[in-house]
């Protein structure tokens, strides 16, 4: 007989943001993993919940949806990432940029531009890399850049590169993010098999399956591994 999962503490987003701000240290605790089905509010979580903590960071957003209006005001749209990008974007320090590619119009060109952007991120480091739709980058039927993204995450950590990666399921995350996440956000998921794989990656027992299944859209179960004192809280973006 499985035990009933403990009550999950509910916290307002600003309280959780304070925790993230203290726990998020590029090079030591760098990567966010966000798992939620379509419509769960992944973009809203990134823009309203996490990007306010990137106000002084050089930030590169990879927008594979062809200028998604939900990203308006977050990163100056660019068609190609220039080496050494800095100071002409938007955000508090004018250092937020958004690479906009249209996979439907020209997948080969989109792949070339995203691969070039990932190369620059790896070569230069010292930035926050945001990918709202990781599946589009990693899936063989999409851009098929899983190996390149894996190299960026594995080698970029020593270059002070932090990543915020969002997907509908863990299988679209490369191994390094599944194994080395520092902060995890679990949103609305209805497929029990997807939930089981997600719980395994974040180290929660299967008794949490109904907790995840019942999370409303735009609500998130936040977990981290800060200094050996992990935190778990339910919040709303």
Foldseek 3Di string as FASTA:
>chain_A
DDDADDDFAADALVVVLVVCLVQDFQLPAFEEEEAAAPQLCLLVCCVVRPCVSCQPAQEEEEAAQQPPVSCVPFADEDQADDAPQAQCIDGNRRRGHYHGHHCVVPQVSSLVRVLRVLVSCQVQARGEYEYSALLQCCPPVHSNPLVSVVCCVVRNSNSRYHYYYYYNACVSHRVCCLARHFKYKQTADQDLVRLVVVCVSVVHDSSCSVVNNPHHRQKIWMWGCGPNDIHTHIYGD
